[in-house]
Amino acid sequence: MSIKRKGFLMAMCALAALLALAGCMNAAGRLPGDNGTNNDNAAPQSTGGASVMPQATSAVQNAYDWITGRTAVEEKINLLSEIETSRVVTTGSTALVGVTFAKAYQGQMTQRIQNLIAGVVKEADPNIQVVAVTSEKEDVDTIFSIADSLGGGALDADAESKVDTIVRNVTTMQ
């Protein structure tokens, strides 16, 4: 076989592999039994005289009790090797987490650490949409103060304002 023919054959094999992978990626997002059509309406589907409603899933989650469960979430966060202590304050669908790093950890806040912490928080309360994490000393002191004074209870207007300010800080990772 000539070199040109081998090169052409390899290019065609690579193209076929790419097309197969692209097809697999599109199929991965489908639900079992999904035929690929977008059927967002809840109208009954007719199947040979029988009427079948699409499967309904409950979008309503039971609200997580942050008053009694906050310390369990903080303890789980503290199990991360980089974290020494943490406090969580929630308002609406936002959780603000202040962390101090373990003495053995010489780094700083990274996206990986933020993602790990967000995973712990969202596992406890799937209703949380935004998890903001900071390790800035002044902000962490404020979060610890708010969390300790509230014990996980409802925030007053002043505390909510402080939380909102910290969440919007440039140094706070979301």
Protein backbone atom coordinates (compact mmCIF):
# COMPACT_ATOMS: atom_id res chain seq x y z
CA MET A 1 0.00 0.00 0.00
CA SER A 2 1.34 3.44 -0.86
CA ILE A 3 1.95 6.07 1.79
CA LYS A 4 -0.77 8.35 0.32
CA ARG A 5 -3.31 5.56 0.45
CA LYS A 6 -2.36 4.71 4.07
CA GLY A 7 -2.66 8.37 5.05
CA PHE A 8 -6.06 8.66 3.38
CA LEU A 9 -7.25 5.47 5.11
CA MET A 10 -6.07 6.72 8.52
CA ALA A 11 -7.79 10.07 7.97
CA MET A 12 -11.05 8.34 7.10
CA CYS A 13 -10.80 6.12 10.20
CA ALA A 14 -10.18 9.17 12.39
CA LEU A 15 -13.17 10.94 10.82
CA ALA A 16 -15.37 7.89 11.42
CA ALA A 17 -14.24 7.74 15.06
CA LEU A 18 -15.01 11.45 15.56
CA LEU A 19 -18.47 11.07 14.06
CA ALA A 20 -19.18 8.05 16.26
CA LEU A 21 -18.07 9.94 19.38
CA ALA A 22 -20.14 12.98 18.43
CA GLY A 23 -23.18 10.75 18.04
CA CYS A 24 -22.55 9.18 21.45
CA MET A 25 -22.26 12.61 23.07
CA ASN A 26 -25.64 13.66 21.70
CA ALA A 27 -27.30 10.42 22.79
CA ALA A 28 -25.92 10.66 26.35
CA GLY A 29 -28.18 13.59 27.25
CA ARG A 30 -31.37 11.70 26.48
CA LEU A 31 -33.55 10.09 29.08
CA PRO A 32 -34.32 6.38 28.87
CA GLY A 33 -37.20 5.92 26.45
CA ASP A 34 -36.62 9.36 24.93
CA ASN A 35 -36.86 9.27 21.16
CA GLY A 36 -34.91 12.50 20.77
CA THR A 37 -37.90 14.78 20.33
CA ASN A 38 -38.43 17.68 22.67
CA ASN A 39 -41.83 17.07 24.25
CA ASP A 40 -42.04 19.55 27.11
CA ASN A 41 -45.82 19.69 27.22
CA ALA A 42 -47.78 17.43 29.52
CA ALA A 43 -50.48 16.54 27.01
CA PRO A 44 -51.44 12.87 27.02
CA GLN A 45 -49.85 10.80 24.30
CA SER A 46 -52.05 8.50 22.28
CA THR A 47 -50.85 4.91 21.94
CA GLY A 48 -53.30 2.80 19.99
CA GLY A 49 -56.44 3.88 21.85
CA ALA A 50 -54.78 4.03 25.30
CA SER A 51 -53.87 7.38 26.81
CA VAL A 52 -50.50 7.63 28.57
CA MET A 53 -49.37 10.66 30.58
CA PRO A 54 -45.62 11.44 30.62
CA GLN A 55 -43.89 10.48 33.84
CA ALA A 56 -44.02 13.31 36.33
CA THR A 57 -41.14 14.07 38.65
CA SER A 58 -41.46 16.06 41.82
CA ALA A 59 -39.68 19.40 41.55
CA VAL A 60 -40.51 20.24 45.16
CA GLN A 61 -37.74 19.28 47.56
CA ASN A 62 -38.17 19.19 51.29
CA ALA A 63 -36.41 22.22 52.74
CA TYR A 64 -33.18 21.38 54.57
CA ASP A 65 -33.23 22.35 58.24
CA TRP A 66 -30.13 24.53 58.47
CA ILE A 67 -30.78 25.24 62.16
CA THR A 68 -30.15 21.64 63.17
CA GLY A 69 -28.13 20.48 60.15
CA ARG A 70 -25.61 23.28 59.76
CA THR A 71 -23.01 21.71 62.03
CA ALA A 72 -23.24 18.36 60.19
CA VAL A 73 -22.52 20.14 56.89
CA GLU A 74 -19.65 22.08 58.46
CA GLU A 75 -18.18 18.87 59.91
CA LYS A 76 -18.32 17.26 56.47
CA ILE A 77 -16.55 20.29 54.94
CA ASN A 78 -13.94 20.13 57.72
CA LEU A 79 -13.12 16.55 56.65
CA LEU A 80 -11.51 17.95 53.50
CA SER A 81 -7.75 17.79 54.01
CA GLU A 82 -7.24 21.46 53.14
CA ILE A 83 -9.86 22.80 55.58
CA GLU A 84 -9.37 23.38 59.30
CA THR A 85 -12.71 25.00 60.17
CA SER A 86 -15.76 26.27 58.31
CA ARG A 87 -19.05 28.05 58.89
CA VAL A 88 -22.10 28.12 56.64
CA VAL A 89 -24.70 30.88 56.45
CA THR A 90 -27.66 30.54 54.10
CA THR A 91 -30.12 33.02 52.73
CA GLY A 92 -32.73 31.93 50.23
CA SER A 93 -31.05 29.69 47.67
CA THR A 94 -27.55 30.98 48.45
CA ALA A 95 -25.04 29.46 50.85
CA LEU A 96 -22.02 31.44 52.00
CA VAL A 97 -19.16 29.36 53.39
CA GLY A 98 -16.20 30.82 55.26
CA VAL A 99 -13.19 28.53 55.65
CA THR A 100 -9.84 28.58 57.37
CA PHE A 101 -7.17 26.36 55.88
CA ALA A 102 -5.30 23.63 57.72
CA LYS A 103 -1.77 24.57 58.76
CA ALA A 104 -0.37 21.83 56.51
CA TYR A 105 -2.06 23.38 53.47
CA GLN A 106 0.16 26.13 52.08
CA GLY A 107 -2.02 27.03 49.10
CA GLN A 108 -4.98 29.33 48.64
CA MET A 109 -8.61 29.00 47.58
CA THR A 110 -8.90 27.10 44.31
CA GLN A 111 -11.80 26.20 42.06
CA ARG A 112 -11.30 22.53 43.04
CA ILE A 113 -11.75 23.32 46.73
CA GLN A 114 -14.78 25.50 45.98
CA ASN A 115 -16.32 22.69 43.91
CA LEU A 116 -15.74 20.16 46.72
CA ILE A 117 -17.37 22.47 49.26
CA ALA A 118 -20.26 23.24 46.90
CA GLY A 119 -20.79 19.51 46.45
CA VAL A 120 -21.09 18.98 50.21
CA VAL A 121 -23.54 21.87 50.61
CA LYS A 122 -25.70 20.92 47.62
CA GLU A 123 -25.75 17.27 48.71
CA ALA A 124 -27.26 18.39 52.02
CA ASP A 125 -29.69 20.88 50.45
CA PRO A 126 -30.42 20.51 46.72
CA ASN A 127 -32.42 23.76 46.84
CA ILE A 128 -29.18 25.74 47.17
CA GLN A 129 -28.35 27.25 43.77
CA VAL A 130 -25.28 29.36 44.62
CA VAL A 131 -22.46 28.31 46.94
CA ALA A 132 -20.02 31.14 47.59
CA VAL A 133 -16.79 30.26 49.40
CA THR A 134 -14.22 32.61 50.85
CA SER A 135 -11.04 32.28 52.86
CA GLU A 136 -10.41 36.04 53.24
CA LYS A 137 -9.77 36.60 56.97
CA GLU A 138 -12.05 39.62 57.41
CA ASP A 139 -14.93 37.97 55.54
CA VAL A 140 -14.42 34.65 57.33
CA ASP A 141 -14.52 36.44 60.71
CA THR A 142 -17.81 38.09 59.70
CA ILE A 143 -19.30 34.77 58.54
CA PHE A 144 -18.21 33.01 61.74
CA SER A 145 -19.73 35.84 63.80
CA ILE A 146 -23.06 35.72 61.92
CA ALA A 147 -23.25 31.91 62.01
CA ASP A 148 -22.39 31.68 65.70
CA SER A 149 -24.87 34.40 66.71
CA LEU A 150 -27.72 32.92 64.67
CA GLY A 151 -27.11 29.26 65.24
CA GLY A 152 -28.42 28.71 61.70
CA GLY A 153 -31.63 30.67 62.29
CA ALA A 154 -33.15 33.36 60.08
CA LEU A 155 -30.94 36.28 59.15
CA ASP A 156 -31.86 39.81 60.14
CA ALA A 157 -31.61 42.61 57.57
CA ASP A 158 -28.12 43.69 58.70
CA ALA A 159 -26.76 40.13 58.52
CA GLU A 160 -28.37 39.58 55.10
CA SER A 161 -26.72 42.77 53.85
CA LYS A 162 -23.31 41.57 55.11
CA VAL A 163 -23.80 38.15 53.50
CA ASP A 164 -24.80 39.75 50.19
CA THR A 165 -21.71 41.99 50.28
CA ILE A 166 -19.38 39.04 50.92
CA VAL A 167 -21.02 36.91 48.21
CA ARG A 168 -20.41 39.71 45.69
CA ASN A 169 -16.76 40.24 46.70
CA VAL A 170 -14.22 39.65 43.96
CA THR A 171 -12.28 37.30 46.27
CA THR A 172 -15.31 35.08 46.94
CA MET A 173 -15.47 32.06 44.63
CA GLN A 174 -18.80 30.82 43.28
